[in-house]
N, C-alpha and C. Protein backbone atom coordinates (compact mmCIF):
# COMPACT_ATOMS: atom_id res chain seq x y z
N MET A 1 7.77 30.39 -188.58
CA MET A 1 9.12 29.81 -188.62
C MET A 1 9.58 29.89 -189.98
N ASN A 2 10.79 30.60 -190.03
CA ASN A 2 11.30 31.02 -191.45
C ASN A 2 12.47 29.94 -191.84
N GLU A 3 12.20 29.01 -192.43
CA GLU A 3 13.21 28.02 -192.84
C GLU A 3 13.94 28.44 -194.14
N LYS A 4 15.07 28.08 -194.19
CA LYS A 4 15.86 28.65 -195.32
C LYS A 4 15.78 27.09 -196.34
N ARG A 5 15.18 27.40 -197.72
CA ARG A 5 14.98 26.24 -198.61
C ARG A 5 16.39 26.17 -199.47
N SER A 6 16.46 25.03 -199.77
CA SER A 6 17.49 24.49 -200.67
C SER A 6 16.93 24.69 -202.08
N PRO A 7 17.69 25.27 -202.82
CA PRO A 7 17.05 25.40 -204.29
C PRO A 7 17.06 24.09 -205.08
N LEU A 8 15.96 23.88 -206.02
CA LEU A 8 15.72 22.63 -206.58
C LEU A 8 16.72 22.80 -207.66
N THR A 9 17.51 21.50 -207.74
CA THR A 9 18.62 21.46 -208.75
C THR A 9 18.37 20.43 -209.58
N GLU A 10 19.04 20.18 -210.65
CA GLU A 10 18.99 19.15 -211.46
C GLU A 10 19.33 17.77 -210.78
N ALA A 11 20.08 17.92 -209.86
CA ALA A 11 20.41 16.57 -208.95
C ALA A 11 19.14 16.22 -208.13
N HIS A 12 18.30 17.26 -207.71
CA HIS A 12 17.07 16.84 -206.90
C HIS A 12 16.11 16.19 -207.92
N ILE A 13 15.92 16.88 -209.06
CA ILE A 13 14.96 16.33 -209.96
C ILE A 13 15.40 14.96 -210.53
N SER A 14 16.51 14.70 -210.92
CA SER A 14 17.05 13.39 -211.16
C SER A 14 16.95 12.45 -210.09
N ALA A 15 17.22 12.84 -209.06
CA ALA A 15 16.99 11.71 -207.75
C ALA A 15 15.38 11.49 -207.79
N TRP A 16 14.80 12.65 -207.70
CA TRP A 16 13.32 12.43 -207.68
C TRP A 16 12.70 11.53 -208.61
N ALA A 17 13.05 11.72 -209.96
CA ALA A 17 12.67 10.95 -211.17
C ALA A 17 13.01 9.50 -210.98
N ARG A 18 14.15 9.21 -210.65
CA ARG A 18 14.81 7.79 -210.34
C ARG A 18 13.87 7.07 -209.39
N LEU A 19 13.74 7.82 -208.21
CA LEU A 19 12.96 7.09 -207.08
C LEU A 19 11.60 6.90 -207.40
N VAL A 20 10.88 7.82 -208.22
CA VAL A 20 9.70 7.56 -208.68
C VAL A 20 9.58 6.31 -209.81
N ARG A 21 10.53 6.52 -210.62
CA ARG A 21 10.61 5.25 -211.68
C ARG A 21 10.66 3.76 -210.89
N VAL A 22 11.95 3.88 -210.01
CA VAL A 22 12.19 2.66 -209.35
C VAL A 22 10.85 1.98 -208.52
N THR A 23 10.26 2.79 -207.85
CA THR A 23 9.03 2.58 -207.06
C THR A 23 8.09 2.20 -207.88
N GLY A 24 7.71 2.88 -208.90
CA GLY A 24 6.72 2.48 -209.87
C GLY A 24 6.91 0.98 -210.33
N ARG A 25 8.00 0.84 -210.86
CA ARG A 25 8.42 -0.39 -211.59
C ARG A 25 8.50 -1.66 -210.63
N VAL A 26 8.81 -1.41 -209.47
CA VAL A 26 8.93 -2.45 -208.37
C VAL A 26 7.56 -2.69 -208.05
N MET A 27 6.81 -1.55 -207.80
CA MET A 27 5.31 -1.88 -207.30
C MET A 27 4.38 -2.63 -208.25
N ARG A 28 4.70 -2.21 -209.61
CA ARG A 28 3.91 -2.93 -210.68
C ARG A 28 4.36 -4.58 -210.66
N ASP A 29 5.62 -4.72 -210.54
CA ASP A 29 6.29 -6.19 -210.47
C ASP A 29 5.77 -6.86 -209.36
N VAL A 30 5.51 -6.32 -208.19
CA VAL A 30 4.99 -6.99 -207.13
C VAL A 30 3.50 -7.17 -207.38
N GLU A 31 2.72 -6.16 -207.86
CA GLU A 31 1.24 -6.46 -208.15
C GLU A 31 1.18 -7.57 -209.10
N GLN A 32 1.87 -7.69 -210.05
CA GLN A 32 1.91 -8.56 -211.17
C GLN A 32 2.26 -10.08 -210.65
N ALA A 33 3.14 -10.13 -209.72
CA ALA A 33 3.64 -11.29 -209.11
C ALA A 33 2.41 -11.93 -208.25
N LEU A 34 1.77 -10.88 -207.59
CA LEU A 34 0.77 -11.51 -206.52
C LEU A 34 -0.45 -11.75 -207.38
N LYS A 35 -0.67 -11.18 -208.40
CA LYS A 35 -1.85 -11.59 -209.38
C LYS A 35 -1.45 -13.13 -210.01
N GLU A 36 -0.33 -13.18 -210.30
CA GLU A 36 0.19 -14.37 -210.99
C GLU A 36 0.00 -15.55 -209.94
N ALA A 37 0.19 -15.51 -208.75
CA ALA A 37 0.13 -16.29 -207.69
C ALA A 37 -1.48 -16.59 -207.09
N GLY A 38 -2.22 -15.76 -207.77
CA GLY A 38 -3.69 -15.93 -207.41
C GLY A 38 -4.00 -15.27 -205.93
N LEU A 39 -3.14 -14.12 -205.66
CA LEU A 39 -3.22 -13.49 -204.44
C LEU A 39 -3.99 -12.10 -204.62
N PRO A 40 -4.38 -11.57 -203.66
CA PRO A 40 -4.97 -10.14 -203.64
C PRO A 40 -3.94 -9.19 -204.07
N GLN A 41 -4.42 -7.93 -204.28
CA GLN A 41 -3.48 -6.69 -204.36
C GLN A 41 -2.77 -6.39 -203.45
N LEU A 42 -1.79 -5.60 -203.57
CA LEU A 42 -0.43 -5.17 -202.53
C LEU A 42 -1.23 -4.41 -201.45
N SER A 43 -2.32 -3.68 -201.80
CA SER A 43 -3.03 -2.73 -200.91
C SER A 43 -3.59 -3.85 -199.68
N TRP A 44 -4.06 -5.01 -200.15
CA TRP A 44 -4.54 -5.90 -198.92
C TRP A 44 -3.25 -6.26 -197.93
N TYR A 45 -2.22 -6.60 -198.51
CA TYR A 45 -1.01 -6.89 -197.84
C TYR A 45 -0.59 -5.89 -196.94
N ASP A 46 -0.63 -4.77 -197.32
CA ASP A 46 -0.21 -3.33 -196.45
C ASP A 46 -1.15 -3.26 -195.46
N LEU A 47 -2.54 -3.26 -195.74
CA LEU A 47 -3.62 -3.23 -194.69
C LEU A 47 -3.58 -4.23 -193.65
N LEU A 48 -3.29 -5.55 -194.05
CA LEU A 48 -3.08 -6.67 -193.02
C LEU A 48 -1.72 -6.53 -192.30
N LEU A 49 -0.58 -6.06 -192.95
CA LEU A 49 0.56 -5.71 -192.26
C LEU A 49 0.38 -4.58 -191.10
N GLU A 50 -0.07 -3.52 -191.43
CA GLU A 50 -0.40 -2.49 -190.58
C GLU A 50 -1.25 -3.10 -189.30
N LEU A 51 -2.21 -3.83 -189.52
CA LEU A 51 -3.16 -4.44 -188.58
C LEU A 51 -2.46 -5.37 -187.79
N ARG A 52 -1.54 -6.09 -188.40
CA ARG A 52 -0.78 -7.08 -187.69
C ARG A 52 0.30 -6.29 -186.43
N ARG A 53 0.62 -5.21 -187.03
CA ARG A 53 1.61 -4.62 -186.27
C ARG A 53 0.91 -3.82 -184.93
N ALA A 54 -0.32 -3.81 -185.11
CA ALA A 54 -1.16 -3.03 -184.30
C ALA A 54 -1.86 -3.95 -183.28
N GLU A 55 -1.57 -5.22 -183.34
CA GLU A 55 -2.20 -6.25 -182.48
C GLU A 55 -1.68 -6.00 -180.99
N PRO A 56 -2.54 -6.22 -180.05
CA PRO A 56 -3.97 -6.91 -180.23
C PRO A 56 -5.08 -5.68 -180.45
N ASP A 57 -4.56 -4.32 -180.20
CA ASP A 57 -5.61 -3.23 -180.10
C ASP A 57 -6.18 -3.06 -181.47
N GLY A 58 -5.57 -3.22 -182.52
CA GLY A 58 -6.39 -2.84 -183.90
C GLY A 58 -6.06 -1.52 -184.22
N LEU A 59 -6.83 -0.85 -185.08
CA LEU A 59 -6.62 0.39 -185.58
C LEU A 59 -8.01 1.09 -185.92
N ARG A 60 -8.06 2.38 -185.94
CA ARG A 60 -9.33 3.05 -186.30
C ARG A 60 -9.08 3.17 -187.83
N PRO A 61 -10.18 3.40 -188.58
CA PRO A 61 -9.99 3.54 -189.98
C PRO A 61 -9.19 4.73 -190.34
N PHE A 62 -9.20 5.93 -189.59
CA PHE A 62 -8.34 7.18 -189.90
C PHE A 62 -6.86 6.69 -189.49
N GLN A 63 -6.57 5.95 -188.58
CA GLN A 63 -5.22 5.58 -188.41
C GLN A 63 -4.51 4.80 -189.42
N LEU A 64 -5.56 3.79 -190.04
CA LEU A 64 -5.02 2.93 -191.31
C LEU A 64 -4.61 3.88 -192.44
N GLN A 65 -5.74 4.85 -192.52
CA GLN A 65 -5.50 5.93 -193.60
C GLN A 65 -4.25 6.71 -193.63
N SER A 66 -3.91 6.99 -192.36
CA SER A 66 -2.69 7.76 -192.22
C SER A 66 -1.44 6.94 -192.50
N ALA A 67 -1.46 5.79 -191.86
CA ALA A 67 -0.35 4.91 -191.98
C ALA A 67 -0.12 4.34 -193.57
N MET A 68 -1.20 4.19 -194.27
CA MET A 68 -1.02 3.77 -195.53
C MET A 68 -1.05 4.87 -196.72
N LEU A 69 -1.41 6.08 -196.24
CA LEU A 69 -1.42 7.12 -197.19
C LEU A 69 -2.51 6.99 -198.16
N ILE A 70 -3.62 6.37 -198.09
CA ILE A 70 -4.77 6.06 -198.83
C ILE A 70 -5.91 7.07 -198.83
N PRO A 71 -6.53 7.67 -199.62
CA PRO A 71 -7.69 8.58 -199.69
C PRO A 71 -8.87 7.87 -198.56
N GLN A 72 -9.60 8.55 -197.81
CA GLN A 72 -10.51 8.12 -197.15
C GLN A 72 -11.60 7.00 -197.70
N TYR A 73 -12.03 7.52 -198.82
CA TYR A 73 -13.05 6.86 -199.73
C TYR A 73 -12.39 5.51 -200.15
N ASN A 74 -11.21 5.52 -200.49
CA ASN A 74 -10.58 4.20 -200.88
C ASN A 74 -10.33 3.37 -199.52
N MET A 75 -9.85 3.93 -198.52
CA MET A 75 -9.78 3.18 -197.31
C MET A 75 -10.89 2.34 -197.07
N SER A 76 -12.12 3.00 -196.83
CA SER A 76 -13.35 2.57 -196.54
C SER A 76 -13.85 1.33 -197.37
N ARG A 77 -13.51 1.48 -198.93
CA ARG A 77 -13.99 0.32 -199.73
C ARG A 77 -12.77 -0.67 -199.49
N LEU A 78 -11.64 -0.59 -199.27
CA LEU A 78 -10.56 -1.52 -199.12
C LEU A 78 -10.96 -2.30 -197.90
N ILE A 79 -11.29 -1.63 -196.84
CA ILE A 79 -11.49 -2.28 -195.31
C ILE A 79 -12.94 -3.05 -195.58
N ASP A 80 -13.83 -2.60 -196.40
CA ASP A 80 -15.19 -3.39 -196.87
C ASP A 80 -14.71 -4.63 -197.51
N ARG A 81 -13.94 -4.34 -198.46
CA ARG A 81 -13.59 -5.80 -199.29
C ARG A 81 -12.98 -6.93 -198.59
N VAL A 82 -11.66 -6.26 -197.77
CA VAL A 82 -11.07 -7.33 -196.98
C VAL A 82 -11.90 -7.87 -195.84
N ALA A 83 -12.87 -7.07 -195.16
CA ALA A 83 -13.63 -7.70 -194.23
C ALA A 83 -14.57 -8.57 -194.81
N ARG A 84 -15.34 -8.28 -195.93
CA ARG A 84 -16.17 -9.44 -196.83
C ARG A 84 -15.49 -10.91 -196.94
N ALA A 85 -14.08 -10.61 -197.39
CA ALA A 85 -13.44 -11.78 -197.66
C ALA A 85 -13.21 -12.48 -196.18
N GLY A 86 -13.38 -11.96 -195.01
CA GLY A 86 -13.13 -12.48 -193.66
C GLY A 86 -11.76 -12.32 -193.10
N TYR A 87 -10.70 -11.47 -193.74
CA TYR A 87 -9.70 -11.27 -193.28
C TYR A 87 -9.43 -10.22 -192.14
N VAL A 88 -10.31 -9.36 -192.07
CA VAL A 88 -10.38 -8.46 -190.92
C VAL A 88 -11.86 -8.21 -190.37
N GLU A 89 -11.98 -7.50 -189.03
CA GLU A 89 -13.18 -7.54 -188.58
C GLU A 89 -13.19 -6.23 -187.92
N ARG A 90 -14.53 -5.67 -187.99
CA ARG A 90 -14.71 -4.34 -187.60
C ARG A 90 -15.48 -4.54 -186.20
N GLN A 91 -15.10 -3.73 -185.23
CA GLN A 91 -15.81 -3.71 -183.87
C GLN A 91 -15.99 -2.44 -183.37
N SER A 92 -17.08 -2.17 -182.66
CA SER A 92 -17.33 -0.79 -181.96
C SER A 92 -16.20 -0.43 -181.28
N CYS A 93 -16.04 1.06 -181.20
CA CYS A 93 -14.87 1.46 -180.45
C CYS A 93 -15.68 1.86 -179.13
N ASP A 94 -15.05 1.20 -178.04
CA ASP A 94 -15.58 1.82 -176.65
C ASP A 94 -15.53 3.29 -176.35
N ALA A 95 -14.53 3.91 -176.83
CA ALA A 95 -14.41 5.21 -176.54
C ALA A 95 -15.35 6.37 -177.34
N ASP A 96 -15.74 5.76 -178.34
CA ASP A 96 -16.56 6.41 -179.41
C ASP A 96 -17.54 5.35 -179.88
N GLY A 97 -18.96 5.70 -179.53
CA GLY A 97 -19.71 4.73 -180.01
C GLY A 97 -19.93 4.69 -181.45
N ARG A 98 -19.69 5.78 -182.33
CA ARG A 98 -19.88 5.76 -183.57
C ARG A 98 -18.77 5.21 -184.34
N GLY A 99 -17.64 5.46 -183.68
CA GLY A 99 -16.30 4.67 -184.34
C GLY A 99 -16.24 3.23 -184.30
N GLN A 100 -15.05 2.90 -185.08
CA GLN A 100 -14.95 1.42 -185.27
C GLN A 100 -13.48 1.07 -185.22
N ILE A 101 -13.20 -0.02 -184.58
CA ILE A 101 -11.75 -0.52 -184.51
C ILE A 101 -11.74 -1.61 -185.79
N VAL A 102 -10.54 -1.68 -186.36
CA VAL A 102 -10.50 -2.64 -187.37
C VAL A 102 -9.38 -3.73 -186.73
N ARG A 103 -9.56 -4.97 -186.91
CA ARG A 103 -8.67 -5.97 -186.38
C ARG A 103 -8.43 -6.99 -187.42
N ILE A 104 -7.32 -7.53 -187.41
CA ILE A 104 -6.95 -8.45 -188.39
C ILE A 104 -7.31 -9.94 -187.73
N THR A 105 -7.99 -10.74 -188.64
CA THR A 105 -8.37 -12.13 -188.22
C THR A 105 -7.31 -13.32 -188.26
N ASP A 106 -7.44 -14.40 -187.79
CA ASP A 106 -6.52 -15.54 -188.02
C ASP A 106 -6.42 -15.74 -189.47
N GLU A 107 -7.37 -15.55 -190.33
CA GLU A 107 -7.37 -15.88 -191.76
C GLU A 107 -6.54 -14.73 -192.31
N GLY A 108 -6.63 -13.61 -191.86
CA GLY A 108 -5.89 -12.48 -192.31
C GLY A 108 -4.39 -12.62 -192.02
N LYS A 109 -4.16 -13.26 -191.10
CA LYS A 109 -2.79 -13.45 -190.60
C LYS A 109 -2.16 -14.52 -191.56
N ALA A 110 -3.02 -15.44 -191.78
CA ALA A 110 -2.54 -16.49 -192.72
C ALA A 110 -2.46 -16.11 -194.12
N LEU A 111 -3.22 -15.12 -194.72
CA LEU A 111 -3.19 -14.43 -195.86
C LEU A 111 -1.85 -13.81 -196.15
N GLN A 112 -1.76 -12.83 -195.12
CA GLN A 112 -0.46 -11.86 -194.95
C GLN A 112 0.77 -12.73 -195.16
N ARG A 113 0.69 -13.91 -194.24
CA ARG A 113 1.94 -14.66 -194.19
C ARG A 113 2.08 -15.34 -195.74
N LYS A 114 1.06 -15.88 -196.38
CA LYS A 114 1.11 -16.34 -197.94
C LYS A 114 1.68 -15.24 -198.83
N MET A 115 1.19 -14.12 -198.76
CA MET A 115 1.52 -13.14 -199.71
C MET A 115 2.88 -12.60 -199.48
N TRP A 116 3.65 -12.79 -198.27
CA TRP A 116 4.84 -12.09 -198.13
C TRP A 116 6.04 -12.87 -198.88
N PRO A 117 6.09 -14.07 -199.12
CA PRO A 117 7.25 -14.73 -199.82
C PRO A 117 7.20 -14.13 -201.30
N VAL A 118 5.79 -13.98 -201.86
CA VAL A 118 5.73 -13.25 -203.34
C VAL A 118 6.34 -11.86 -203.27
N TYR A 119 5.83 -11.05 -202.31
CA TYR A 119 6.37 -9.83 -202.31
C TYR A 119 7.85 -9.67 -202.01
N ARG A 120 8.35 -10.49 -200.99
CA ARG A 120 9.75 -10.65 -200.95
C ARG A 120 10.63 -10.91 -202.00
N SER A 121 10.15 -11.92 -202.75
CA SER A 121 10.99 -12.31 -203.97
C SER A 121 11.11 -11.12 -204.96
N VAL A 122 10.15 -10.36 -205.20
CA VAL A 122 10.16 -9.27 -206.07
C VAL A 122 11.16 -8.29 -205.38
N LEU A 123 10.99 -7.97 -204.27
CA LEU A 123 11.97 -7.04 -203.58
C LEU A 123 13.58 -7.42 -203.54
N GLU A 124 13.56 -8.71 -203.49
CA GLU A 124 15.10 -9.31 -203.56
C GLU A 124 15.52 -9.16 -204.93
N ARG A 125 14.79 -9.35 -206.00
CA ARG A 125 15.08 -9.56 -207.23
C ARG A 125 15.38 -8.05 -207.86
N GLU A 126 14.41 -7.42 -207.74
CA GLU A 126 14.27 -6.09 -208.34
C GLU A 126 15.00 -4.86 -207.50
N PHE A 127 15.09 -5.05 -206.19
CA PHE A 127 15.77 -3.81 -205.28
C PHE A 127 16.83 -4.40 -204.48
N ALA A 128 16.86 -5.37 -203.82
CA ALA A 128 17.91 -5.69 -202.88
C ALA A 128 19.18 -6.20 -203.74
N SER A 129 19.07 -6.75 -204.81
CA SER A 129 19.95 -7.07 -205.84
C SER A 129 20.79 -5.99 -206.30
N THR A 130 20.17 -4.78 -206.17
CA THR A 130 20.82 -3.76 -206.87
C THR A 130 21.75 -2.82 -205.68
N LEU A 131 21.66 -3.16 -204.65
CA LEU A 131 22.21 -2.51 -203.42
C LEU A 131 22.91 -3.46 -202.51
N ASP A 132 23.96 -3.08 -202.10
CA ASP A 132 24.46 -3.92 -200.91
C ASP A 132 23.99 -3.38 -199.71
N GLU A 133 24.30 -4.07 -198.46
CA GLU A 133 23.51 -3.54 -197.39
C GLU A 133 23.86 -2.28 -196.76
N ASP A 134 25.20 -1.87 -197.04
CA ASP A 134 25.52 -0.43 -196.67
C ASP A 134 24.90 0.68 -197.68
N GLU A 135 24.78 0.42 -198.75
CA GLU A 135 24.13 1.30 -199.66
C GLU A 135 22.63 1.38 -199.37
N ALA A 136 22.01 0.26 -199.09
CA ALA A 136 20.67 0.23 -198.53
C ALA A 136 20.43 1.06 -197.36
N ALA A 137 21.34 0.95 -196.45
CA ALA A 137 21.31 1.74 -195.15
C ALA A 137 21.55 3.28 -195.56
N ARG A 138 22.51 3.59 -196.30
CA ARG A 138 22.63 4.76 -196.64
C ARG A 138 21.46 5.47 -197.24
N LEU A 139 20.87 4.85 -198.37
CA LEU A 139 19.63 5.30 -198.91
C LEU A 139 18.41 5.49 -197.99
N ALA A 140 18.23 4.49 -197.10
CA ALA A 140 17.27 4.74 -196.15
C ALA A 140 17.51 5.89 -195.19
N GLY A 141 18.85 6.23 -194.76
CA GLY A 141 18.97 7.53 -194.14
C GLY A 141 18.81 8.57 -194.67
N LEU A 142 19.13 8.47 -196.00
CA LEU A 142 18.90 9.91 -197.10
C LEU A 142 17.40 10.07 -197.14
N LEU A 143 16.62 9.22 -197.27
CA LEU A 143 15.28 9.32 -197.40
C LEU A 143 14.47 9.54 -196.01
N GLN A 144 15.04 9.26 -194.98
CA GLN A 144 14.32 9.53 -193.74
C GLN A 144 13.95 11.05 -193.58
N LYS A 145 14.64 11.86 -193.96
CA LYS A 145 14.34 13.33 -193.78
C LYS A 145 13.17 13.69 -194.61
N SER A 146 12.99 13.24 -195.89
CA SER A 146 11.89 13.54 -196.62
C SER A 146 10.81 12.69 -196.10
N ALA A 147 10.91 11.52 -195.61
CA ALA A 147 9.73 10.71 -195.22
C ALA A 147 9.20 11.34 -193.93
N ALA A 148 9.96 12.16 -193.17
CA ALA A 148 9.53 12.50 -191.82
C ALA A 148 8.79 14.04 -192.02
N ILE A 149 8.74 14.53 -193.33
CA ILE A 149 7.97 15.87 -193.47
C ILE A 149 6.72 15.56 -193.37
N GLY A 150 5.93 16.44 -192.74
CA GLY A 150 4.42 16.41 -192.66
C GLY A 150 4.08 15.35 -191.81
N ARG A 151 4.92 14.66 -191.00
CA ARG A 151 4.57 13.71 -190.18
C ARG A 151 4.53 13.95 -188.72
N THR A 152 4.80 15.28 -188.42
CA THR A 152 4.98 15.90 -187.11
C THR A 152 3.93 16.08 -186.48
């Protein structure tokens, strides 16, 4: 397939840099707010959210890795830590005797619900307050094309 590429312009570079800066700042603020509230890292929330969305079936570790874009070795460690804390459980996969399914526990659901207001307050303060709903919808639409690359 021979696709025509758009040239990388100053506008592209500026947009990318601002996206990275805003994302980094908001993520740091979320991590700090969770820490101050005595809650686990944002990666725990993301893991629990993906598992909540996959209920009741759960997800295989490689599916979590793909959904969260975390390297395999980090995903294994994250699942181990969250499982040791009792927020997820691993079960054998019927389709593959060696594989595992990860499912959220009731305690994991409670933790995810407890983390959300802290996360939400930072998103409201640092992101939603800077855009009206139409602007947010436009931004989401603009980023949809880039988000879809590599996901086919």
